[in-house]
Protein backbone atom coordinates (compact mmCIF):
# COMPACT_ATOMS: atom_id res chain seq x y z
CA MET A 1 101.36 130.37 97.66
CA LYS A 2 98.14 128.60 98.62
CA PHE A 3 95.25 127.38 96.51
CA THR A 4 93.00 129.94 98.17
CA ASP A 5 95.35 132.85 97.52
CA LEU A 6 93.63 135.08 94.98
CA ILE A 7 96.96 135.45 93.18
CA PHE A 8 96.94 131.67 92.65
CA VAL A 9 93.34 131.55 91.39
CA TYR A 10 93.37 134.61 89.16
CA ILE A 11 97.00 134.95 88.06
CA PHE A 12 98.91 131.68 88.50
CA MET A 13 96.16 129.45 87.06
CA ALA A 14 95.13 132.05 84.49
CA ALA A 15 98.69 131.98 83.16
CA LEU A 16 99.27 128.23 83.48
CA ILE A 17 96.17 126.91 81.69
CA PRO A 18 96.64 128.64 78.30
CA ILE A 19 100.38 127.95 78.30
CA TYR A 20 99.84 124.29 79.21
CA PHE A 21 97.17 123.67 76.58
CA ALA A 22 99.08 125.54 73.87
CA SER A 23 100.52 122.18 72.73
CA LYS A 24 99.39 118.55 72.95
CA ASN A 25 102.98 117.34 73.18
CA VAL A 26 103.35 115.59 76.53
CA THR A 27 107.02 116.56 76.92
CA TYR A 28 106.11 120.22 76.44
CA ARG A 29 103.26 119.89 78.94
CA ASN A 30 105.54 118.20 81.45
CA VAL A 31 108.09 121.00 81.18
CA VAL A 32 105.33 123.58 81.72
CA LEU A 33 104.01 121.76 84.79
CA ILE A 34 107.49 121.32 86.26
CA SER A 35 108.28 125.01 85.74
CA PHE A 36 105.07 126.23 87.33
CA SER A 37 105.34 123.67 90.14
CA LEU A 38 108.82 124.90 91.07
CA ILE A 39 107.62 128.51 90.99
CA PHE A 40 104.66 127.53 93.16
CA TYR A 41 106.88 125.86 95.75
CA ALA A 42 109.59 128.53 95.73
CA TRP A 43 107.05 131.30 96.25
CA SER A 44 107.26 131.13 100.07
CA ASN A 45 110.98 130.41 100.43
CA PRO A 46 113.40 129.69 97.55
CA PHE A 47 115.77 127.84 99.91
CA TRP A 48 113.11 125.19 100.52
CA LEU A 49 113.11 124.56 96.78
CA LEU A 50 116.79 123.62 97.00
CA LEU A 51 116.00 121.04 99.71
CA LEU A 52 113.21 119.61 97.56
CA LEU A 53 115.43 119.35 94.48
CA LEU A 54 118.23 117.79 96.53
CA SER A 55 115.89 115.09 97.88
CA ILE A 56 114.51 114.35 94.42
CA THR A 57 117.95 114.24 92.80
CA LEU A 58 119.54 112.01 95.43
CA ASN A 59 116.63 109.60 95.45
CA TYR A 60 116.63 109.48 91.66
CA PHE A 61 120.16 108.03 91.86
CA PHE A 62 119.35 105.86 94.90
CA ALA A 63 116.50 104.25 92.96
CA ARG A 64 118.76 103.67 89.94
CA LEU A 65 121.36 102.05 92.20
CA ILE A 66 118.73 99.85 93.87
CA ASP A 67 117.61 98.70 90.44
CA LYS A 68 121.19 98.14 89.29
CA HIS A 69 121.99 95.92 92.30
CA ARG A 70 118.61 94.19 92.41
CA GLY A 71 118.79 90.77 94.07
CA SER A 72 122.05 91.52 95.86
CA PRO A 73 122.94 93.04 99.26
CA GLY A 74 123.77 96.24 97.42
CA ALA A 75 120.09 96.91 96.74
CA LYS A 76 119.25 96.71 100.43
CA ALA A 77 122.22 98.91 101.26
CA TRP A 78 121.12 101.66 98.87
CA LEU A 79 117.56 101.35 100.16
CA ALA A 80 118.90 101.93 103.66
CA VAL A 81 120.90 104.95 102.49
CA SER A 82 117.80 106.42 100.87
CA LEU A 83 115.62 105.89 103.94
CA VAL A 84 118.25 107.23 106.32
CA TYR A 85 118.63 110.38 104.22
CA SER A 86 114.92 111.03 103.66
CA LEU A 87 113.78 110.25 107.20
CA GLY A 88 116.88 111.87 108.66
CA MET A 89 116.17 115.12 106.82
CA LEU A 90 112.52 115.03 107.95
CA VAL A 91 113.45 114.35 111.58
CA ALA A 92 116.20 116.99 111.59
CA VAL A 93 114.05 119.88 110.38
CA LYS A 94 110.77 118.86 112.02
CA TYR A 95 111.66 117.31 115.36
CA THR A 96 115.02 118.71 116.50
CA ASP A 97 113.44 121.40 118.69
CA PHE A 98 111.03 118.83 120.14
CA PHE A 99 113.79 116.41 121.13
CA ILE A 100 116.06 119.11 122.57
CA SER A 101 113.28 120.80 124.56
CA ASN A 102 112.30 117.46 126.10
CA LEU A 103 115.91 116.65 126.98
CA ASN A 104 116.23 120.07 128.58
CA GLY A 105 113.08 119.46 130.60
CA TRP A 106 113.91 115.90 131.68
CA PHE A 107 117.56 116.39 132.60
CA GLY A 108 117.73 120.07 133.53
CA LEU A 109 119.87 120.92 130.51
CA ASP A 110 120.07 124.25 128.74
CA ILE A 111 120.77 123.27 125.15
CA PRO A 112 119.70 126.13 122.86
CA LEU A 113 116.94 125.35 120.37
CA PRO A 114 117.92 125.83 116.71
CA HIS A 115 114.37 126.84 115.70
CA ILE A 116 114.68 125.37 112.22
CA ALA A 117 111.96 126.66 109.89
CA LEU A 118 109.85 123.75 108.67
CA PRO A 119 109.83 123.53 104.86
CA ILE A 120 106.27 123.46 103.56
CA GLY A 121 105.07 120.00 102.59
CA ILE A 122 108.22 118.12 103.64
CA SER A 123 106.19 115.43 105.43
CA PHE A 124 104.12 114.81 102.32
CA TYR A 125 106.83 114.78 99.67
CA THR A 126 109.15 112.72 101.90
CA PHE A 127 106.52 110.00 102.22
CA GLN A 128 105.88 110.19 98.50
CA ILE A 129 109.58 109.65 97.81
CA ILE A 130 109.71 106.78 100.30
CA SER A 131 106.72 105.08 98.66
CA TYR A 132 108.48 105.29 95.28
CA ILE A 133 111.79 103.98 96.63
CA MET A 134 110.11 101.11 98.48
CA ASP A 135 108.03 100.14 95.45
CA VAL A 136 111.15 100.12 93.27
CA TYR A 137 112.94 97.93 95.83
CA TRP A 138 110.00 95.51 96.05
CA GLY A 139 109.69 95.43 92.25
CA LYS A 140 106.17 96.86 92.26
CA VAL A 141 107.13 99.60 89.79
CA GLN A 142 109.83 100.07 87.20
CA VAL A 143 112.57 102.51 88.14
CA GLN A 144 112.10 105.86 86.41
CA LYS A 145 115.24 106.55 84.38
CA ASN A 146 114.00 109.88 83.05
CA TYR A 147 114.91 112.46 85.70
CA GLY A 148 112.37 114.98 84.41
CA ARG A 149 109.49 112.56 84.84
CA LEU A 150 110.50 111.73 88.40
CA LEU A 151 110.87 115.44 89.08
CA LEU A 152 107.34 115.99 87.82
CA TYR A 153 105.97 113.15 89.94
CA ILE A 154 107.38 114.56 93.18
CA SER A 155 107.05 118.29 92.49
CA LEU A 156 103.61 118.30 90.83
CA PHE A 157 102.08 121.32 92.55
CA PRO A 158 98.50 120.08 93.13
CA GLN A 159 99.68 117.47 95.64
CA LEU A 160 103.11 118.77 96.62
CA VAL A 161 102.56 120.63 99.88
CA ALA A 162 99.55 118.99 101.56
CA GLY A 163 98.82 115.78 99.73
CA PRO A 164 97.16 113.54 99.02
CA ILE A 165 100.19 111.23 99.11
CA VAL A 166 100.10 110.02 95.51
CA ARG A 167 101.70 106.67 94.70
CA TYR A 168 103.99 106.57 91.68
CA SER A 169 102.16 103.50 90.38
CA LEU A 170 98.93 105.50 90.23
CA ILE A 171 100.18 108.12 87.77
CA GLU A 172 103.18 106.33 86.25
CA ASN A 173 101.50 105.98 82.85
CA GLU A 174 99.90 109.43 82.95
CA ILE A 175 103.28 111.11 83.40
CA GLY A 176 104.35 109.84 80.01
CA SER A 177 101.02 109.79 78.20
CA ARG A 178 97.81 111.58 79.13
CA THR A 179 94.99 113.61 77.68
CA SER A 180 92.63 116.16 79.16
CA SER A 181 89.13 115.84 77.74
CA LEU A 182 86.52 118.56 78.09
CA GLU A 183 84.84 116.34 80.68
CA ASP A 184 88.12 116.13 82.63
CA ILE A 185 88.60 119.90 82.54
CA SER A 186 84.98 120.65 83.46
CA SER A 187 84.94 118.07 86.24
CA GLY A 188 88.31 119.28 87.53
CA ILE A 189 87.23 122.93 87.63
CA THR A 190 84.02 122.03 89.47
CA ARG A 191 85.91 119.88 91.97
CA PHE A 192 88.41 122.70 92.55
CA ILE A 193 85.69 125.31 93.09
CA PHE A 194 83.79 123.08 95.50
CA GLY A 195 86.99 122.53 97.48
CA PHE A 196 87.63 126.28 97.31
CA GLY A 197 84.19 126.85 98.83
CA LYS A 198 84.79 124.28 101.56
CA LYS A 199 87.86 126.19 102.68
CA ALA A 200 87.04 129.83 102.00
CA ILE A 201 83.37 129.80 103.02
CA ILE A 202 82.85 127.00 105.54
CA ALA A 203 86.23 126.12 107.12
CA ASN A 204 87.39 129.71 107.70
CA SER A 205 84.00 130.67 109.17
CA LEU A 206 84.01 127.69 111.53
CA TYR A 207 87.54 128.46 112.68
CA ASP A 208 86.60 132.02 113.62
CA ILE A 209 84.02 130.60 116.03
CA VAL A 210 86.39 127.99 117.44
CA GLU A 211 89.07 130.60 118.16
CA LYS A 212 86.62 132.68 120.19
CA TYR A 213 86.23 129.69 122.50
CA PHE A 214 89.58 127.88 122.52
CA GLY A 215 91.68 130.99 121.94
CA GLY A 216 90.67 132.49 125.27
CA ASP A 217 90.45 131.40 128.90
CA LEU A 218 89.41 127.73 128.86
CA SER A 219 88.43 127.79 132.52
CA THR A 220 85.50 130.07 131.72
CA LEU A 221 83.91 127.70 129.18
CA SER A 222 80.67 125.93 129.99
CA VAL A 223 80.23 122.22 129.31
CA ALA A 224 77.95 123.03 126.37
CA GLY A 225 80.37 125.68 125.10
CA THR A 226 83.27 123.21 125.18
CA TRP A 227 81.33 120.57 123.25
CA TYR A 228 80.07 123.21 120.83
CA ALA A 229 83.59 124.44 120.11
CA VAL A 230 85.18 121.01 119.71
CA ILE A 231 82.41 119.77 117.40
CA LEU A 232 82.90 122.83 115.21
CA TYR A 233 86.66 122.27 115.31
CA ALA A 234 86.21 118.69 114.09
CA LEU A 235 84.07 120.01 111.23
CA TYR A 236 86.65 122.74 110.55
CA VAL A 237 89.52 120.25 110.21
CA TYR A 238 87.41 118.15 107.85
CA TYR A 239 86.45 121.07 105.61
CA ASP A 240 89.94 122.57 105.68
CA PHE A 241 91.76 119.39 104.73
CA SER A 242 89.13 117.74 102.52
CA GLY A 243 88.71 121.09 100.78
CA TYR A 244 92.43 121.13 100.01
CA SER A 245 92.24 117.53 98.81
CA ASP A 246 89.29 118.37 96.56
CA MET A 247 91.22 121.25 95.05
CA ALA A 248 94.28 119.04 94.54
CA ILE A 249 92.24 116.28 92.90
CA GLY A 250 90.43 118.83 90.74
CA LEU A 251 93.66 120.49 89.60
CA GLY A 252 95.17 117.12 88.79
CA ARG A 253 92.08 116.22 86.76
CA ILE A 254 92.36 119.43 84.70
CA PHE A 255 95.86 118.41 83.62
CA GLY A 256 94.99 114.75 82.98
CA PHE A 257 96.00 113.17 86.30
CA HIS A 258 93.58 111.00 88.25
CA PHE A 259 94.39 111.00 91.96
CA ASP A 260 92.67 108.69 94.42
CA GLU A 261 90.11 110.06 96.84
CA ASN A 262 91.50 111.18 100.20
CA PHE A 263 88.21 111.52 102.10
CA ARG A 264 84.96 109.56 101.84
CA TYR A 265 82.52 111.24 104.24
CA PRO A 266 84.29 110.06 107.40
CA PHE A 267 81.69 111.38 109.83
CA VAL A 268 79.14 108.78 108.70
CA SER A 269 81.38 106.05 110.15
CA LYS A 270 79.96 103.66 112.75
CA ASN A 271 83.32 102.79 114.33
CA ILE A 272 86.85 104.11 114.51
CA THR A 273 88.29 101.54 112.12
CA GLU A 274 85.84 102.69 109.45
CA PHE A 275 86.58 106.32 110.23
CA TRP A 276 90.25 105.83 109.40
CA GLN A 277 89.31 104.04 106.21
CA ARG A 278 87.51 107.22 105.19
CA TRP A 279 89.77 109.95 106.68
CA HIS A 280 93.10 111.00 105.12
CA ILE A 281 93.07 107.76 103.18
CA SER A 282 96.44 108.28 101.51
CA LEU A 283 98.24 108.55 104.87
CA GLY A 284 96.43 105.56 106.35
CA THR A 285 97.22 103.35 103.37
CA PHE A 286 100.83 104.55 103.39
CA PHE A 287 101.36 103.33 106.95
CA ARG A 288 99.40 100.17 106.25
CA ASP A 289 101.49 99.24 103.21
CA TYR A 290 104.92 100.45 104.29
CA LEU A 291 104.94 99.94 108.05
CA LEU A 292 102.11 97.76 109.39
CA TYR A 293 102.90 94.73 107.23
CA VAL A 294 106.66 95.06 107.41
CA PRO A 295 107.69 92.08 109.59
CA LEU A 296 109.55 94.09 112.22
CA PHE A 297 108.03 92.25 115.13
CA GLY A 298 106.80 89.00 113.65
CA LYS A 299 103.25 87.83 113.08
CA ARG A 300 102.67 87.06 116.75
CA ARG A 301 103.31 90.68 117.65
CA GLN A 302 100.90 92.28 115.23
CA TYR A 303 99.54 94.57 117.94
CA VAL A 304 103.01 95.99 118.55
CA SER A 305 103.07 96.93 114.88
CA LEU A 306 99.57 98.39 115.23
CA PHE A 307 100.61 100.74 118.02
CA LEU A 308 103.82 101.62 116.17
CA VAL A 309 101.67 102.70 113.23
CA TRP A 310 99.47 104.89 115.43
CA PHE A 311 102.45 106.35 117.25
CA CYS A 312 103.92 107.28 113.86
CA THR A 313 100.56 108.58 112.61
CA GLY A 314 100.37 110.94 115.56
CA PHE A 315 104.04 111.97 115.50
CA TRP A 316 103.91 112.57 111.74
CA HIS A 317 101.40 115.34 112.35
CA GLY A 318 103.72 117.43 114.46
CA ALA A 319 106.46 117.76 117.05
CA SER A 320 104.19 117.96 120.08
CA TRP A 321 103.09 115.42 122.67
CA ASN A 322 99.41 115.98 121.99
CA TYR A 323 99.83 114.56 118.46
CA ILE A 324 101.45 111.41 119.85
CA ILE A 325 98.63 111.10 122.40
CA TRP A 326 96.12 111.70 119.62
CA GLY A 327 97.57 108.92 117.47
CA LEU A 328 97.77 106.41 120.32
CA TYR A 329 94.26 107.42 121.45
CA PHE A 330 92.82 106.25 118.14
CA GLY A 331 95.13 103.24 118.16
CA VAL A 332 93.63 102.10 121.48
CA PHE A 333 90.09 102.18 120.11
CA ILE A 334 91.10 100.34 116.94
CA PHE A 335 92.88 97.77 119.12
CA ILE A 336 89.69 97.32 121.19
CA GLU A 337 87.57 96.98 118.06
CA ARG A 338 89.91 94.31 116.73
CA LEU A 339 89.69 92.39 120.00
CA ILE A 340 85.89 92.53 119.91
CA GLY A 341 85.75 91.57 116.23
CA SER A 342 83.69 92.98 113.37
CA LYS A 343 80.97 90.30 113.67
CA LYS A 344 80.18 91.23 117.27
CA LEU A 345 80.30 94.95 116.50
CA LYS A 346 77.69 94.49 113.77
CA LYS A 347 75.28 93.14 116.38
CA VAL A 348 75.37 96.40 118.33
CA PRO A 349 72.48 98.73 117.38
CA SER A 350 73.49 101.14 114.63
CA ALA A 351 72.45 104.21 116.64
CA VAL A 352 74.67 103.17 119.54
CA MET A 353 77.65 102.67 117.23
CA HIS A 354 77.14 106.07 115.61
CA ILE A 355 77.01 107.80 119.00
CA TYR A 356 80.12 105.92 120.16
CA ALA A 357 82.05 106.82 117.01
CA LYS A 358 81.10 110.50 117.06
CA LEU A 359 82.06 110.90 120.72
CA VAL A 360 85.46 109.27 120.21
CA ILE A 361 86.13 111.25 117.03
CA VAL A 362 85.13 114.62 118.46
CA VAL A 363 87.13 114.19 121.68
CA GLY A 364 90.05 113.09 119.52
CA PHE A 365 89.97 116.38 117.63
CA GLY A 366 90.09 118.21 120.96
CA ILE A 367 93.30 116.34 121.74
CA PHE A 368 94.54 117.30 118.27
CA TYR A 369 93.90 121.01 118.85
CA PHE A 370 95.85 121.61 122.04
CA ASN A 371 99.45 121.47 120.89
CA ASP A 372 102.35 123.41 122.36
CA ALA A 373 101.27 126.55 120.50
CA SER A 374 97.79 126.28 122.07
CA GLY A 375 98.77 125.80 125.68
CA GLY A 376 100.08 122.25 125.48
CA LEU A 377 99.14 119.48 127.87
CA ASN A 378 97.90 121.85 130.59
CA SER A 379 95.30 123.29 128.25
CA LEU A 380 94.46 119.79 127.04
CA LEU A 381 93.75 118.64 130.60
CA THR A 382 91.61 121.73 131.21
CA PHE A 383 89.68 121.03 128.01
CA LEU A 384 89.05 117.39 129.01
CA GLY A 385 87.83 118.55 132.40
CA ASP A 386 85.55 121.15 130.79
CA LEU A 387 83.89 118.43 128.70
CA VAL A 388 82.46 116.78 131.82
CA GLY A 389 82.18 119.78 134.12
CA ALA A 390 85.08 118.63 136.30
CA ASN A 391 86.53 122.15 136.53
CA GLY A 392 83.45 123.62 138.19
CA ASN A 393 82.30 125.13 134.91
CA PRO A 394 78.55 125.68 134.31
CA LEU A 395 76.48 123.33 132.15
CA ILE A 396 75.43 125.97 129.61
CA ASP A 397 75.81 129.68 128.99
CA ILE A 398 73.92 132.38 127.11
CA GLY A 399 76.88 133.13 124.87
CA THR A 400 76.93 129.62 123.42
CA GLN A 401 73.16 129.67 122.83
CA THR A 402 73.49 133.01 121.03
CA SER A 403 76.47 131.85 118.95
CA PHE A 404 74.63 128.69 117.92
CA MET A 405 71.53 130.61 116.82
CA ASN A 406 73.58 133.25 114.98
CA ASN A 407 75.49 130.56 113.06
CA ILE A 408 72.75 127.96 112.67
CA PHE A 409 72.71 128.11 108.86
CA LEU A 410 76.51 127.74 108.67
CA ILE A 411 76.42 124.80 111.09
CA ALA A 412 73.51 123.14 109.25
CA ALA A 413 75.35 123.47 105.93
CA ALA A 414 78.56 122.08 107.47
CA VAL A 415 76.69 119.05 108.83
CA ILE A 416 74.70 118.39 105.63
CA PHE A 417 77.67 118.67 103.28
CA SER A 418 79.74 116.36 105.48
CA THR A 419 77.31 113.54 104.57
CA PRO A 420 76.74 111.88 101.17
CA LEU A 421 73.27 113.46 100.88
CA VAL A 422 74.12 115.71 97.93
CA PRO A 423 75.82 112.93 95.89
CA TRP A 424 72.80 110.72 96.62
CA LEU A 425 70.42 113.36 95.27
CA ARG A 426 72.66 113.85 92.26
CA THR A 427 72.55 110.11 91.51
CA LYS A 428 68.76 110.13 91.70
CA LEU A 429 68.50 113.08 89.30
CA GLN A 430 70.82 111.46 86.75
CA ASP A 431 68.19 108.83 86.00
CA SER A 432 66.31 111.24 83.72
CA GLU A 433 67.32 113.66 80.97
CA ALA A 434 65.56 116.52 82.74
CA GLY A 435 67.46 115.68 85.89
CA GLN A 436 70.78 115.70 84.04
CA ASN A 437 69.99 119.12 82.58
CA ALA A 438 69.09 120.37 86.05
CA ILE A 439 72.38 119.07 87.40
CA GLY A 440 74.32 120.86 84.65
CA VAL A 441 72.59 124.20 85.19
CA SER A 442 72.71 124.03 88.99
CA THR A 443 76.40 123.05 88.93
CA LEU A 444 77.25 126.05 86.76
CA ILE A 445 75.28 128.41 89.00
CA CYS A 446 76.84 126.94 92.15
CA ASN A 447 80.33 127.27 90.69
CA ILE A 448 79.81 130.95 89.94
CA LEU A 449 78.24 131.70 93.32
CA ILE A 450 80.87 129.75 95.31
CA LEU A 451 83.77 131.36 93.46
CA ALA A 452 82.27 134.83 93.89
CA ALA A 453 81.41 134.37 97.59
CA GLY A 454 84.78 132.79 98.37
CA THR A 455 86.61 135.60 96.59
CA VAL A 456 84.74 138.28 98.53
CA LEU A 457 85.45 136.53 101.84
CA LEU A 458 89.14 136.09 101.02
CA VAL A 459 89.55 139.74 100.05
CA ASN A 460 88.53 140.70 103.59
CA SER A 461 90.31 137.77 105.30
CA THR A 462 93.44 138.25 107.38
CA ASN A 463 93.84 134.57 108.34
CA ASN A 464 93.68 131.95 105.61
CA PRO A 465 96.22 129.19 106.34
CA PHE A 466 95.64 125.53 105.53
CA LEU A 467 95.97 123.51 108.73
CA TYR A 468 97.92 120.67 107.09
CA TRP A 469 100.56 122.97 105.60
CA GLN A 470 102.30 122.88 109.00
CA PHE A 471 102.69 119.12 108.77
């Protein structure tokens, strides 16, 4: 079940909300959320629910044992057991085929691939469990002795399958005591609908265009057509994933949980370091807090840790070489920016920095696209050649000009809404009572129109997956 499935919007949520708000008792509400969250996760494959419950149950006891042996070697031993299990399970189901296929290719072996089905959201909930276990070990949070509350924290359906990666410390108090004001509910519904619109109206429409270009013969693309497609793909990934994050944050808000932002208009960034401070923030901060500053290599080898982080960032996204290349690609630019220093970068004209950042970001998303299912490294090399006309492809073509003109309003909307222009206008209007009334009326109208338009588009849609569900 996905947030943009009509059964989720009009049946699942329609049933959950009245049942949840039937009582103000937090224990009752927790039981309701746990029940609906488990139904939500089991919808695609009940067996995956067993894996989720096993991970939660084992790590509940691992955390209790870490707390029991705090200050002794036993705590470190149980931490190791927890990490080996959680990471081992993730590696086994997500990367086994990748490792075996590479061994077969390198050494001429013929080991059969197990083709293990990847449980939805395992990368996200594994990292969430690891963050909890590590924080308990470091003494940053108190161990949760109530199994039901830990179960709710991990299985909470708004953030279960595609993030954001929510830290236990962020919602620790809200698990045991929370309220949902009318402002929370209203704000949450609006945030959900806006995220719904990002996905159903903008992201899906952009992807249809991208597939017409990248889903066919790459050697026939013009230089302009290649740039056109990869720019739209970058916008698609943003609207697909930030739309999901908006829906997750909105759903959490309805039920009294306040999740951190996962995107802050990343395309306005002037360098790659800033971009990753604005893009998929929960993943970036996870690696920063749980890997970058862990003294694996010593202070003098900080750049080794930096590239380890970016290797892991890429590999986390999928079992394909292009993801590793993608992660290291961004790591190289962040490494260069660190060598130059922020003071020197600020002296570079702002326009130059924006152009530099956009070029690096857009090409990076091209690397991200061409995984094994999309032609692999051969297609990636063809794409990179197409960008600069190295494959003998023409500079421009009539088809790209026609596509751009036919979709100009969609593209303009995608560009405008990827900037903080609308929030800026909203802030300006809030300065007066008339402006506040206008905001209220326009928000209501927009909610109705977005929900109606998104519903119509989804009724006729045959392809509506969230990109990050595969990770």
